[in-house]
Amino acid sequence: MTSSVEQAGTPLAGVVQPQTSLAAAVAMGELWMEAGVAERAAARCDQAVREINDLLRDARQLTVKRKFGDNEDGQAAATRFSQAGHDYINTMRNAQRVFANMAATYRAAGRTVTEADAASEQMFGRSE
């Protein structure tokens, strides 16, 4: 089952596949990053999630059905604008999920190096 982010034609569809591929590469041990670099990248993703929260703070106002005239055209316009507000909020929430997944992926890549270093040190001892 695909999420709404993964569906073709959504604004974030082109971002999800590369992020999923990166996560798979980390899980298979094919991608790793120095822990500090990984944490800085993850922190930037966390910051993006917070920035989106700021953008969405008053976004519910965009979903309110406003009057554009008491006729069929006015009601249709009100419905379209309200739906556009809902679409915006959904897209931004999906973007938050993508950024949160990216942060987790970066942190996992950083742990891979840390764990490999620890295993090497345990196996070969500390080199002086």
Protein backbone atom coordinates (compact mmCIF):
# COMPACT_ATOMS: atom_id res chain seq x y z
CA MET A 1 0.00 0.00 0.00
CA THR A 2 1.42 3.42 -0.92
CA SER A 3 1.11 6.51 1.22
CA SER A 4 -0.41 9.69 -0.14
CA VAL A 5 3.12 11.06 -0.50
CA GLU A 6 4.13 8.20 -2.77
CA GLN A 7 1.20 8.51 -5.16
CA ALA A 8 2.18 9.72 -8.61
CA GLY A 9 1.41 13.32 -9.26
CA THR A 10 1.72 14.52 -5.67
CA PRO A 11 4.13 17.39 -5.12
CA LEU A 12 6.46 15.25 -2.98
CA ALA A 13 6.38 12.05 -5.03
CA GLY A 14 9.79 12.79 -6.54
CA VAL A 15 11.38 13.13 -3.09
CA VAL A 16 10.06 9.98 -1.47
CA GLN A 17 11.76 7.43 -3.74
CA PRO A 18 15.30 8.83 -3.31
CA GLN A 19 14.77 9.06 0.46
CA THR A 20 13.49 5.48 0.55
CA SER A 21 16.51 4.36 -1.49
CA LEU A 22 18.86 6.11 0.94
CA ALA A 23 17.18 4.44 3.89
CA ALA A 24 17.52 1.05 2.19
CA ALA A 25 21.21 1.70 1.47
CA VAL A 26 21.80 2.56 5.14
CA ALA A 27 19.93 -0.55 6.27
CA MET A 28 22.09 -2.70 3.96
CA GLY A 29 25.28 -1.07 5.21
CA GLU A 30 26.02 0.50 1.83
CA LEU A 31 25.75 4.09 3.04
CA TRP A 32 27.31 5.60 6.10
CA MET A 33 28.29 9.05 7.27
CA GLU A 34 30.56 10.47 9.92
CA ALA A 35 28.41 10.87 13.03
CA GLY A 36 28.86 14.66 13.23
CA VAL A 37 27.95 15.17 9.58
CA ALA A 38 24.95 12.89 9.90
CA GLU A 39 23.72 14.71 13.01
CA ARG A 40 24.05 18.13 11.33
CA ALA A 41 22.02 16.88 8.35
CA ALA A 42 19.42 15.33 10.66
CA ALA A 43 19.22 18.53 12.73
CA ARG A 44 18.52 20.53 9.55
CA CYS A 45 15.68 18.13 8.73
CA ASP A 46 14.33 18.55 12.27
CA GLN A 47 14.50 22.32 11.78
CA ALA A 48 12.51 22.00 8.54
CA VAL A 49 9.79 20.09 10.44
CA ARG A 50 9.60 22.92 13.00
CA GLU A 51 9.50 25.56 10.25
CA ILE A 52 6.59 23.76 8.61
CA ASN A 53 4.81 23.71 11.98
CA ASP A 54 5.20 27.49 12.06
CA LEU A 55 3.74 27.76 8.55
CA LEU A 56 0.80 25.55 9.48
CA ARG A 57 -0.01 27.30 12.75
CA ASP A 58 -2.73 29.43 11.15
CA ALA A 59 -3.23 27.39 7.99
CA ARG A 60 -6.61 26.02 9.10
CA GLN A 61 -7.96 29.43 8.12
CA LEU A 62 -7.24 28.46 4.52
CA THR A 63 -9.79 25.65 4.75
CA VAL A 64 -12.70 27.84 5.81
CA LYS A 65 -15.36 27.99 3.14
CA ARG A 66 -15.80 31.69 2.37
CA LYS A 67 -18.61 33.37 0.51
CA PHE A 68 -17.97 34.18 -3.12
CA GLY A 69 -21.56 34.90 -3.93
CA ASP A 70 -24.81 33.16 -3.18
CA ASN A 71 -25.00 31.30 -6.45
CA GLU A 72 -23.66 28.12 -7.99
CA ASP A 73 -20.43 29.70 -9.26
CA GLY A 74 -19.72 31.39 -5.93
CA GLN A 75 -20.32 28.17 -4.01
CA ALA A 76 -18.11 26.23 -6.42
CA ALA A 77 -15.32 28.79 -5.98
CA ALA A 78 -15.65 28.61 -2.19
CA THR A 79 -15.40 24.83 -2.33
CA ARG A 80 -12.32 24.93 -4.59
CA PHE A 81 -10.50 27.43 -2.34
CA SER A 82 -11.37 25.45 0.77
CA GLN A 83 -10.12 22.25 -0.87
CA ALA A 84 -6.92 24.01 -1.92
CA GLY A 85 -6.36 24.90 1.75
CA HIS A 86 -6.82 21.25 2.75
CA ASP A 87 -4.47 20.16 -0.05
CA TYR A 88 -1.81 22.62 1.16
CA ILE A 89 -2.03 21.35 4.73
CA ASN A 90 -1.87 17.72 3.60
CA THR A 91 1.15 18.42 1.38
CA MET A 92 2.97 20.21 4.18
CA ARG A 93 2.21 17.40 6.67
CA ASN A 94 3.56 14.92 4.13
CA ALA A 95 6.68 17.07 3.75
CA GLN A 96 7.14 16.89 7.51
CA ARG A 97 7.00 13.10 7.35
CA VAL A 98 9.60 13.08 4.58
CA PHE A 99 11.92 15.35 6.60
CA ALA A 100 11.42 13.23 9.73
CA ASN A 101 12.27 10.08 7.75
CA MET A 102 15.33 11.78 6.30
CA ALA A 103 16.50 12.77 9.79
CA ALA A 104 16.14 9.16 10.95
CA THR A 105 18.03 7.97 7.86
CA TYR A 106 20.91 10.38 8.47
CA ARG A 107 21.12 9.36 12.11
CA ALA A 108 21.14 5.69 11.14
CA ALA A 109 23.95 6.38 8.65
CA GLY A 110 25.92 8.09 11.42
CA ARG A 111 25.36 5.16 13.78
CA THR A 112 26.70 2.78 11.12
CA VAL A 113 30.12 4.47 11.21
CA THR A 114 30.13 4.72 15.00
CA GLU A 115 29.20 1.05 15.36
CA ALA A 116 31.80 0.00 12.76
CA ASP A 117 34.48 2.00 14.57
CA ALA A 118 33.51 0.42 17.89
CA ALA A 119 33.55 -3.07 16.38
CA SER A 120 36.96 -2.45 14.79
CA GLU A 121 38.36 -1.14 18.04
CA GLN A 122 37.01 -4.16 19.91
CA MET A 123 38.31 -6.60 17.30
CA PHE A 124 41.72 -5.06 16.69
CA GLY A 125 42.28 -3.14 19.87
CA ARG A 126 43.17 0.48 20.10
CA SER A 127 45.91 1.55 17.76
CA GLU A 128 48.28 4.03 19.27
